[in-house]
Amino acid sequence: MVRLALRSGLRWKVSLAIAAVSALVAVALSLVVHNAARVSMLDNSRTVMDERVKVAQKWYEESRVLGFGAKLDDPVLPEDLRKFAARGQRATYLEDSGTGSPEVWASVPLRDGKVLSVHTRFQDRFAVLDDLDRVLILGSVSVVLGGIALGVLIGDQLSRRLRKAATAARKLAEGDSEVRVRDAIGGRVRDETDDLARAVDGMAEALQERLEAERRVTADIAHELRTPVTGLLTAAELLPPGRPTELVRDRAQAMRTLVEDVLEVARLDGFAERAELQEIDLAEFITRRVRVVAPDAVVTVDRDAHVSTDPRRLERILGNLLANAARHGKPPFEITVEGRVLRVRDHGPGFPEALLKDGPSRFRTGAKDRAGKGHGLGLTIAAGQARVLGARLTFRNADPAAEGEDGAVAVLWLPESAPTNTGSFPVIDVPD
C-alpha cells in the first residue's frame, strides 16, 4: 500500500483554516438572516391579507362591492379555510414551497352564509428577498477572501520566523556554535516561537559545554599518554631482537598511532582547524599519492579538474579511505576522479548499516565482517578533514543488481569555492 505524503506551507494551512472558519460563520449568519427575513415577510403577508379581507368584508356588506379581487365561495379555496369559515372564524392560509413567493389566502364568513376570500402572491415583496440573498452571498465571499488574506499575513509571519529558526538550528547542527535561534528570528512580536528559540538555544549551549568538556578531557588524556607511549616505543627499540620484541614494538606503535588519532579528532571537534589552500591538479595529485600508499589500486580519470584545497588534508582523507578499504574490504581497489568528485571503492562486504545510517562513529569498527582491526577513527578523521576543506564525504554500498558486484563506495565531493578564512563553508549539493 503506497501512502502519499502531501507537504504544504504553514501559512497556507493557517489561511485555509481561517477561510474555512470564515466560510462557516458567513454561511451560518446568511442562513439565519435569510430565514429570519423570510419568516418576517411571511408573517407580514398574513397580517396584510387579514387587513384586506376585513376591508373587503366591510365594503361588501355596505355596498355589495367586491374589493381587492375578493371572491365569494371561491371553488379553489383551501380546505382548511373552509373549516374555519364553517366555525364562523376569520383565518389566513399560506401555501409556501420554500422557493419563490408564497400564495397567501384570507377568508371570512358572511351573515348570508357565504365565504368571502382574497389571495395573492406578493411577488414584488419577495423579490426583495432575492436581492438580500445576493448581498449575503457577496458578503460571505468578501469575508472568506478577507479571511484568506488575513491568514496569509499571519501564517507568513509565523512561517518566516519558523524558517529562520530552522536555518539557525541547522547551522548549530553543522557546528556553528556562535549562532543563536533567538537572535535569528528577531522581531518585536513575542509568541511561542520565542519560547522554542530559548529552549533550543539553552539546549545548544548545554550540549556545546558538554562537548567542549569531553573534547578537553579527550585531548588532555591523549597529551598525557603521548609522553609515556613515546618512552615505551623508545624502550622497545632497545630490546634485543626476537619475536617478543617485535610484538612489543608493534603494540607500542599501534598505541602511538591511536594517541595521535585521538589528538587529531580532538582538534577537529574544536572547529579550530583551518585549511591551507593551494591550487592543484586533482587527477595528477591523486594518481601520485595512490602510487605511494596503494600501488595495486586502479586509478581512473574520467574528467580532470583544478581545485583550491589543502593538499595535506586531502592526502589524509585519501589515505584513511584506502586504509579502511584495505583493512575491511577486498581488492581490487578502484579510485575514480570525475571533476571535483573522488570515489574510492573496494569489493568487500560493504559498509555496515549503522555507518550508512548515522555516519562514521569513533571507536566503532562496524559489523563483524568489517571489524576486528583498527579503532574506528579513520573514517571519523576523514569526515572531519572533509569538513575543514568545505567538502562532503558520503558512504554507500554498491548495488549488485545495477553495478554487478558488492563493495563499499566512499565519495568525496570537493566544493567549487574554497572555505573562507573565517571558517565558513560552501554548501555542497549532493545528488540522491
Protein backbone atom coordinates (compact mmCIF):
# COMPACT_ATOMS: atom_id res chain seq x y z
CA MET A 1 0.00 0.00 0.00
CA VAL A 2 1.51 3.33 -1.10
CA ARG A 3 0.85 6.35 1.08
CA LEU A 4 1.35 9.78 -0.42
CA ALA A 5 2.64 12.44 1.98
CA LEU A 6 1.49 15.92 0.95
CA ARG A 7 3.55 18.79 2.27
CA SER A 8 2.15 22.29 2.40
CA GLY A 9 3.36 25.53 3.94
CA LEU A 10 2.22 26.69 7.36
CA ARG A 11 0.83 29.95 6.03
CA TRP A 12 -1.46 28.13 3.63
CA LYS A 13 -2.66 25.83 6.38
CA VAL A 14 -3.42 28.85 8.57
CA SER A 15 -5.10 30.61 5.63
CA LEU A 16 -7.25 27.60 4.83
CA ALA A 17 -8.20 27.20 8.49
CA ILE A 18 -9.22 30.87 8.82
CA ALA A 19 -11.01 30.73 5.44
CA ALA A 20 -12.91 27.60 6.48
CA VAL A 21 -13.99 29.17 9.79
CA SER A 22 -14.94 32.40 7.98
CA ALA A 23 -16.95 30.46 5.43
CA LEU A 24 -18.79 28.51 8.14
CA VAL A 25 -19.58 31.69 10.07
CA ALA A 26 -20.66 33.54 6.92
CA VAL A 27 -22.90 30.69 5.74
CA ALA A 28 -24.46 30.29 9.20
CA LEU A 29 -25.16 34.02 9.52
CA SER A 30 -26.50 34.17 5.96
CA LEU A 31 -28.91 31.31 6.64
CA VAL A 32 -30.07 32.89 9.89
CA VAL A 33 -30.61 36.29 8.25
CA HIS A 34 -32.33 34.73 5.22
CA ASN A 35 -34.69 32.61 7.33
CA ALA A 36 -35.45 35.46 9.74
CA ALA A 37 -36.23 37.80 6.85
CA ARG A 38 -38.44 35.24 5.13
CA VAL A 39 -40.37 34.41 8.32
CA SER A 40 -40.85 38.12 8.95
CA MET A 41 -42.15 38.63 5.41
CA LEU A 42 -44.49 35.67 5.70
CA ASP A 43 -45.92 36.96 8.97
CA ASN A 44 -46.30 40.42 7.46
CA SER A 45 -48.08 38.93 4.42
CA ARG A 46 -50.59 37.18 6.67
CA THR A 47 -51.22 40.44 8.53
CA VAL A 48 -51.73 42.39 5.29
CA MET A 49 -54.11 39.78 3.89
CA ASP A 50 -56.07 39.74 7.14
CA GLU A 51 -56.50 43.53 6.93
CA ARG A 52 -57.54 43.27 3.29
CA VAL A 53 -60.20 40.66 3.92
CA LYS A 54 -61.66 42.78 6.76
CA VAL A 55 -61.83 45.83 4.48
CA ALA A 56 -63.27 43.72 1.65
CA GLN A 57 -65.92 42.38 4.06
CA LYS A 58 -66.89 45.89 5.13
CA TRP A 59 -67.18 47.11 1.52
CA TYR A 60 -69.25 44.13 0.50
CA GLU A 61 -71.63 44.40 3.45
CA GLU A 62 -72.11 48.15 2.91
CA SER A 63 -72.21 48.39 -0.91
CA ARG A 64 -72.17 44.86 -2.25
CA VAL A 65 -68.84 45.68 -3.98
CA LEU A 66 -66.02 43.12 -4.04
CA GLY A 67 -62.69 44.89 -3.48
CA PHE A 68 -59.04 43.67 -3.56
CA GLY A 69 -60.03 40.90 -6.01
CA ALA A 70 -62.25 39.25 -3.41
CA LYS A 71 -64.40 36.28 -4.36
CA LEU A 72 -67.45 34.64 -2.88
CA ASP A 73 -67.37 30.92 -2.30
CA ASP A 74 -64.16 30.52 -4.35
CA PRO A 75 -64.10 26.88 -5.54
CA VAL A 76 -60.29 26.68 -5.10
CA LEU A 77 -60.44 27.94 -1.50
CA PRO A 78 -58.17 25.71 0.65
CA GLU A 79 -59.98 23.15 2.75
CA ASP A 80 -58.50 24.49 6.00
CA LEU A 81 -60.10 27.89 5.40
CA ARG A 82 -63.45 26.23 4.68
CA LYS A 83 -63.29 24.54 8.08
CA PHE A 84 -62.56 27.84 9.86
CA ALA A 85 -65.42 29.53 7.95
CA ALA A 86 -67.77 26.73 8.93
CA ARG A 87 -66.96 27.53 12.56
CA GLY A 88 -67.61 31.24 11.89
CA GLN A 89 -63.91 32.26 12.15
CA ARG A 90 -61.80 34.59 10.03
CA ALA A 91 -58.45 32.99 9.09
CA THR A 92 -55.39 33.24 6.85
CA TYR A 93 -53.64 30.44 4.98
CA LEU A 94 -50.17 30.23 3.46
CA GLU A 95 -49.00 27.98 0.67
CA ASP A 96 -45.17 28.12 0.76
CA SER A 97 -42.93 25.77 -1.22
CA GLY A 98 -39.76 27.29 0.27
CA THR A 99 -38.68 28.90 -3.02
CA GLY A 100 -40.19 31.87 -4.77
CA SER A 101 -43.10 33.92 -3.47
CA PRO A 102 -45.79 32.06 -1.48
CA GLU A 103 -49.54 32.26 -2.13
CA VAL A 104 -51.37 33.91 0.78
CA TRP A 105 -55.12 33.44 1.43
CA ALA A 106 -57.53 35.14 3.81
CA SER A 107 -61.20 34.32 4.33
CA VAL A 108 -64.13 35.44 6.45
CA PRO A 109 -67.69 34.03 6.75
CA LEU A 110 -70.57 36.44 5.89
CA ARG A 111 -74.00 36.76 7.51
CA ASP A 112 -75.70 35.18 4.48
CA GLY A 113 -73.63 32.01 4.87
CA LYS A 114 -71.23 32.73 2.02
CA VAL A 115 -67.43 32.86 2.38
CA LEU A 116 -65.54 35.92 1.17
CA SER A 117 -61.89 35.32 0.36
CA VAL A 118 -58.89 37.11 -1.13
CA HIS A 119 -55.46 35.78 -2.13
CA THR A 120 -52.25 36.98 -3.80
CA ARG A 121 -48.54 36.09 -4.12
CA PHE A 122 -46.77 39.36 -3.10
CA GLN A 123 -44.12 38.80 -5.81
CA ASP A 124 -42.81 42.35 -5.52
CA ARG A 125 -42.21 41.98 -1.78
CA PHE A 126 -40.45 38.64 -2.01
CA ALA A 127 -38.24 39.91 -4.86
CA VAL A 128 -36.51 41.92 -2.13
CA LEU A 129 -35.52 38.62 -0.54
CA ASP A 130 -33.63 37.66 -3.70
CA ASP A 131 -31.71 40.93 -3.50
CA LEU A 132 -30.95 40.20 0.13
CA ASP A 133 -29.62 36.74 -0.81
CA ARG A 134 -27.29 38.27 -3.41
CA VAL A 135 -25.98 40.76 -0.86
CA LEU A 136 -25.42 37.94 1.66
CA ILE A 137 -23.53 35.88 -0.94
CA LEU A 138 -21.28 38.83 -1.84
CA GLY A 139 -20.71 39.50 1.85
CA SER A 140 -19.83 35.85 2.52
CA VAL A 141 -17.36 35.79 -0.37
CA SER A 142 -15.78 39.01 0.90
CA VAL A 143 -15.45 37.56 4.41
CA VAL A 144 -13.81 34.37 3.06
CA LEU A 145 -11.36 36.36 0.88
CA GLY A 146 -10.57 38.63 3.81
CA GLY A 147 -10.00 35.57 5.99
CA ILE A 148 -7.61 34.12 3.41
CA ALA A 149 -5.68 37.40 3.21
CA LEU A 150 -5.52 37.65 6.99
CA GLY A 151 -4.44 34.00 7.22
CA VAL A 152 -1.67 34.57 4.65
CA LEU A 153 -0.37 37.56 6.63
CA ILE A 154 -0.47 35.77 9.97
CA GLY A 155 0.81 32.47 8.57
CA ASP A 156 3.57 34.15 6.58
CA GLN A 157 4.88 35.94 9.67
CA LEU A 158 4.83 32.74 11.72
CA SER A 159 6.27 30.68 8.86
CA ARG A 160 9.07 33.20 8.28
CA ARG A 161 10.03 33.10 11.96
CA LEU A 162 9.99 29.29 11.97
CA ARG A 163 12.11 29.15 8.79
CA LYS A 164 14.67 31.47 10.37
CA ALA A 165 14.67 29.29 13.48
CA ALA A 166 15.14 26.14 11.36
CA THR A 167 18.02 27.77 9.44
CA ALA A 168 19.73 28.77 12.68
CA ALA A 169 19.19 25.27 14.12
CA ARG A 170 20.78 23.72 11.02
CA LYS A 171 23.80 25.99 11.44
CA LEU A 172 24.05 24.86 15.04
CA ALA A 173 23.91 21.24 13.91
CA GLU A 174 26.69 21.93 11.41
CA GLY A 175 28.93 23.18 14.21
CA ASP A 176 28.47 26.96 14.18
CA SER A 177 28.41 27.49 17.94
CA GLU A 178 28.01 31.28 17.63
CA VAL A 179 24.51 31.09 16.14
CA ARG A 180 21.53 31.70 18.43
CA VAL A 181 18.00 30.98 17.31
CA ARG A 182 16.50 33.82 19.36
CA ASP A 183 18.73 36.38 17.62
CA ALA A 184 17.96 34.83 14.23
CA ILE A 185 14.15 35.16 14.45
CA GLY A 186 14.29 38.68 15.92
CA GLY A 187 11.20 40.89 15.66
CA ARG A 188 9.09 42.66 18.25
CA VAL A 189 6.35 40.04 18.35
CA ARG A 190 6.57 37.66 21.28
CA ASP A 191 4.91 34.29 20.82
CA GLU A 192 5.55 30.58 21.23
CA THR A 193 8.41 30.69 18.72
CA ASP A 194 10.40 32.74 21.24
CA ASP A 195 9.88 30.02 23.86
CA LEU A 196 11.03 27.45 21.30
CA ALA A 197 14.05 29.58 20.38
CA ARG A 198 15.09 29.99 24.03
CA ALA A 199 14.71 26.25 24.62
CA VAL A 200 16.82 25.39 21.55
CA ASP A 201 19.46 27.96 22.49
CA GLY A 202 19.62 26.60 26.02
CA MET A 203 19.92 23.05 24.74
CA ALA A 204 22.64 24.10 22.26
CA GLU A 205 24.63 25.88 24.94
CA ALA A 206 24.38 22.93 27.33
CA LEU A 207 25.35 20.49 24.57
CA GLN A 208 28.22 22.72 23.48
CA GLU A 209 29.54 22.87 27.03
CA ARG A 210 29.37 19.09 27.36
CA LEU A 211 31.05 18.52 24.01
CA GLU A 212 33.76 21.03 24.82
CA ALA A 213 34.33 19.38 28.20
CA GLU A 214 34.55 15.95 26.56
CA ARG A 215 36.90 17.29 23.89
CA ARG A 216 39.19 18.83 26.52
CA VAL A 217 39.22 15.64 28.54
CA THR A 218 39.98 13.59 25.41
CA ALA A 219 42.75 15.97 24.38
CA ASP A 220 44.22 16.08 27.90
CA ILE A 221 44.25 12.29 28.18
CA ALA A 222 45.87 11.95 24.76
CA HIS A 223 48.51 14.57 25.66
CA GLU A 224 49.25 12.81 28.93
CA LEU A 225 49.59 9.48 27.14
CA ARG A 226 51.85 10.81 24.40
CA THR A 227 54.97 11.07 26.60
CA PRO A 228 54.82 7.60 28.22
CA VAL A 229 53.88 6.00 24.90
CA THR A 230 56.85 7.69 23.20
CA GLY A 231 59.08 6.45 26.02
CA LEU A 232 57.65 2.95 25.68
CA LEU A 233 58.34 2.96 21.94
CA THR A 234 61.90 4.18 22.54
CA ALA A 235 62.46 1.50 25.17
CA ALA A 236 61.12 -1.16 22.79
CA GLU A 237 63.80 -0.19 20.27
CA LEU A 238 66.42 -1.08 22.83
CA LEU A 239 65.19 -4.62 23.38
CA PRO A 240 67.17 -7.47 21.85
CA PRO A 241 65.92 -8.85 18.52
CA GLY A 242 63.28 -11.57 18.67
CA ARG A 243 59.60 -12.35 18.37
CA PRO A 244 58.65 -10.87 21.78
CA THR A 245 60.42 -7.63 20.87
CA GLU A 246 58.52 -7.42 17.59
CA LEU A 247 55.23 -7.87 19.41
CA VAL A 248 56.08 -5.15 21.94
CA ARG A 249 57.16 -2.75 19.19
CA ASP A 250 54.02 -3.48 17.17
CA ARG A 251 51.70 -2.81 20.12
CA ALA A 252 53.62 0.28 21.16
CA GLN A 253 53.40 1.67 17.61
CA ALA A 254 49.65 0.90 17.49
CA MET A 255 49.20 2.73 20.78
CA ARG A 256 51.15 5.70 19.50
CA THR A 257 49.00 5.82 16.34
CA LEU A 258 45.87 5.69 18.47
CA VAL A 259 47.06 8.60 20.63
CA GLU A 260 47.87 10.71 17.57
CA ASP A 261 44.47 9.94 16.03
CA VAL A 262 42.66 10.84 19.24
CA LEU A 263 44.52 14.17 19.35
CA GLU A 264 43.57 14.83 15.73
CA VAL A 265 39.90 14.06 16.43
CA ALA A 266 40.00 16.44 19.42
CA ARG A 267 41.40 19.23 17.23
CA LEU A 268 38.75 18.62 14.57
CA ASP A 269 35.99 18.61 17.18
CA GLY A 270 37.15 22.03 18.32
CA PHE A 271 36.34 23.54 14.87
CA ALA A 272 39.58 25.49 15.12
CA GLU A 273 41.30 23.84 12.15
CA ARG A 274 41.76 25.96 9.01
CA ALA A 275 42.72 24.78 5.55
CA GLU A 276 45.99 25.98 3.96
CA LEU A 277 44.84 26.32 0.37
CA GLN A 278 46.82 25.57 -2.77
CA GLU A 279 45.86 25.19 -6.41
CA ILE A 280 46.41 21.58 -7.51
CA ASP A 281 45.66 19.34 -10.46
CA LEU A 282 43.35 16.82 -8.78
CA ALA A 283 43.92 13.83 -11.11
CA GLU A 284 47.71 14.16 -11.07
CA PHE A 285 47.74 14.66 -7.28
CA ILE A 286 45.54 11.61 -6.61
CA THR A 287 47.49 9.40 -9.02
CA ARG A 288 50.80 10.26 -7.34
CA ARG A 289 49.52 9.67 -3.83
CA VAL A 290 47.83 6.36 -4.69
CA ARG A 291 51.05 5.01 -6.18
CA VAL A 292 52.74 5.61 -2.83
CA VAL A 293 50.10 4.29 -0.39
CA ALA A 294 48.36 1.65 -2.55
CA PRO A 295 50.38 0.65 -5.63
CA ASP A 296 47.92 -2.09 -6.57
CA ALA A 297 44.91 0.25 -6.68
CA VAL A 298 43.45 1.24 -10.06
CA VAL A 299 43.09 4.97 -10.74
CA THR A 300 40.59 6.07 -13.41
CA VAL A 301 40.34 9.70 -14.51
CA ASP A 302 37.01 10.41 -16.19
CA ARG A 303 37.43 14.17 -16.04
CA ASP A 304 40.23 16.26 -14.57
CA ALA A 305 39.80 19.46 -12.54
CA HIS A 306 41.91 22.15 -10.90
CA VAL A 307 40.88 22.70 -7.29
CA SER A 308 41.83 25.04 -4.47
CA THR A 309 42.27 22.85 -1.41
CA ASP A 310 44.65 21.77 1.33
CA PRO A 311 46.86 19.00 -0.14
CA ARG A 312 47.89 17.67 3.29
CA ARG A 313 44.31 17.22 4.43
CA LEU A 314 43.21 15.79 1.08
CA GLU A 315 46.05 13.27 1.28
CA ARG A 316 44.97 12.37 4.83
CA ILE A 317 41.40 11.72 3.63
CA LEU A 318 42.58 9.60 0.71
CA GLY A 319 44.99 7.62 2.92
CA ASN A 320 42.31 6.87 5.52
CA LEU A 321 39.79 5.77 2.87
CA LEU A 322 42.33 3.43 1.26
CA ALA A 323 43.45 2.11 4.67
CA ASN A 324 39.82 1.41 5.58
CA ALA A 325 39.29 -0.37 2.26
CA ALA A 326 42.43 -2.46 2.72
CA ARG A 327 41.55 -3.33 6.32
CA HIS A 328 37.87 -4.18 5.89
CA GLY A 329 37.32 -4.70 2.17
CA LYS A 330 38.75 -6.79 -0.61
CA PRO A 331 40.76 -5.94 -3.72
CA PRO A 332 40.69 -4.70 -6.38
CA PHE A 333 40.60 -1.14 -5.03
CA GLU A 334 39.32 1.44 -7.51
CA ILE A 335 39.81 5.23 -7.33
CA THR A 336 37.84 7.34 -9.79
CA VAL A 337 38.35 11.05 -10.42
CA GLU A 338 35.40 12.77 -12.09
CA GLY A 339 35.89 16.52 -11.99
CA ARG A 340 35.71 17.53 -8.34
CA VAL A 341 34.31 14.17 -7.28
CA LEU A 342 36.60 11.44 -5.93
CA ARG A 343 35.35 7.86 -5.45
CA VAL A 344 37.12 5.09 -3.53
CA ARG A 345 35.66 1.59 -3.92
CA ASP A 346 36.58 -1.85 -2.70
CA HIS A 347 34.92 -5.21 -3.44
CA GLY A 348 34.36 -6.40 0.10
CA PRO A 349 31.15 -6.92 2.09
CA GLY A 350 30.30 -3.20 2.15
CA PHE A 351 29.75 -0.68 4.93
CA PRO A 352 27.63 -1.73 7.92
CA GLU A 353 24.08 -0.40 8.15
CA ALA A 354 24.88 1.66 11.26
CA LEU A 355 27.56 3.62 9.39
CA LEU A 356 25.32 4.20 6.37
CA LYS A 357 22.53 5.45 8.63
CA ASP A 358 24.43 7.55 11.19
CA GLY A 359 27.79 8.20 9.56
CA PRO A 360 31.25 7.38 10.97
CA SER A 361 31.44 6.95 14.73
CA ARG A 362 34.66 6.92 16.70
CA PHE A 363 35.73 3.63 18.27
CA ARG A 364 33.15 1.71 16.26
CA THR A 365 34.57 -0.59 13.62
CA GLY A 366 31.25 -1.80 12.27
CA ALA A 367 29.87 -5.29 11.67
CA LYS A 368 31.79 -8.47 12.28
CA ASP A 369 32.67 -8.84 8.64
CA ARG A 370 34.34 -5.40 8.65
CA ALA A 371 35.70 -5.45 12.19
CA GLY A 372 38.48 -6.98 14.20
CA LYS A 373 41.16 -4.44 13.31
CA GLY A 374 41.63 -0.74 13.91
CA HIS A 375 39.98 1.57 16.41
CA GLY A 376 37.26 3.13 14.27
CA LEU A 377 38.79 6.63 13.98
CA GLY A 378 39.93 6.52 10.35
CA LEU A 379 36.60 7.41 8.74
CA THR A 380 35.80 9.84 11.56
CA ILE A 381 39.03 11.72 10.84
CA ALA A 382 38.36 11.59 7.08
CA ALA A 383 34.90 13.11 7.59
CA GLY A 384 36.32 15.79 9.90
CA GLN A 385 39.07 16.74 7.46
CA ALA A 386 36.49 16.88 4.65
CA ARG A 387 34.51 19.37 6.73
CA VAL A 388 37.61 21.55 7.14
CA LEU A 389 38.01 21.53 3.35
CA GLY A 390 34.37 22.52 2.88
CA ALA A 391 33.84 19.16 1.18
CA ARG A 392 31.25 16.44 1.69
CA LEU A 393 32.14 12.81 2.34
CA THR A 394 29.38 10.25 1.74
CA PHE A 395 29.24 6.48 2.08
CA ARG A 396 27.17 3.86 0.30
CA ASN A 397 27.27 0.23 -0.76
CA ALA A 398 27.46 -0.84 -4.37
CA ASP A 399 24.23 -2.20 -5.83
CA PRO A 400 24.92 -5.70 -7.18
CA ALA A 401 21.86 -5.50 -9.44
CA ALA A 402 23.00 -2.27 -11.08
CA GLU A 403 26.79 -2.48 -10.76
CA GLY A 404 27.24 -6.24 -10.88
CA GLU A 405 29.39 -6.55 -7.73
CA ASP A 406 29.28 -5.89 -3.99
CA GLY A 407 31.56 -3.38 -2.34
CA ALA A 408 31.83 -0.22 -0.25
CA VAL A 409 31.91 3.15 -2.05
CA ALA A 410 33.16 6.36 -0.37
CA VAL A 411 32.59 9.56 -2.35
CA LEU A 412 34.34 12.88 -1.65
CA TRP A 413 32.61 15.96 -3.12
CA LEU A 414 35.06 18.88 -3.28
CA PRO A 415 33.48 22.37 -3.35
CA GLU A 416 33.71 24.77 -6.27
CA SER A 417 34.71 27.55 -3.88
CA ALA A 418 37.21 27.00 -1.10
CA PRO A 419 36.49 27.65 2.60
CA THR A 420 36.95 31.26 3.69
CA ASN A 421 39.42 32.46 6.28
CA THR A 422 36.55 32.97 8.73
CA GLY A 423 35.85 29.29 8.72
CA SER A 424 32.56 29.33 6.78
CA PHE A 425 31.96 26.53 4.32
CA PRO A 426 30.13 26.48 0.99
CA VAL A 427 27.06 24.30 0.61
CA ILE A 428 27.65 21.07 -1.32
CA ASP A 429 24.60 19.80 -3.21
CA VAL A 430 24.83 16.02 -3.32
CA PRO A 431 22.57 14.21 -5.82
CA ASP A 432 20.29 11.50 -4.44
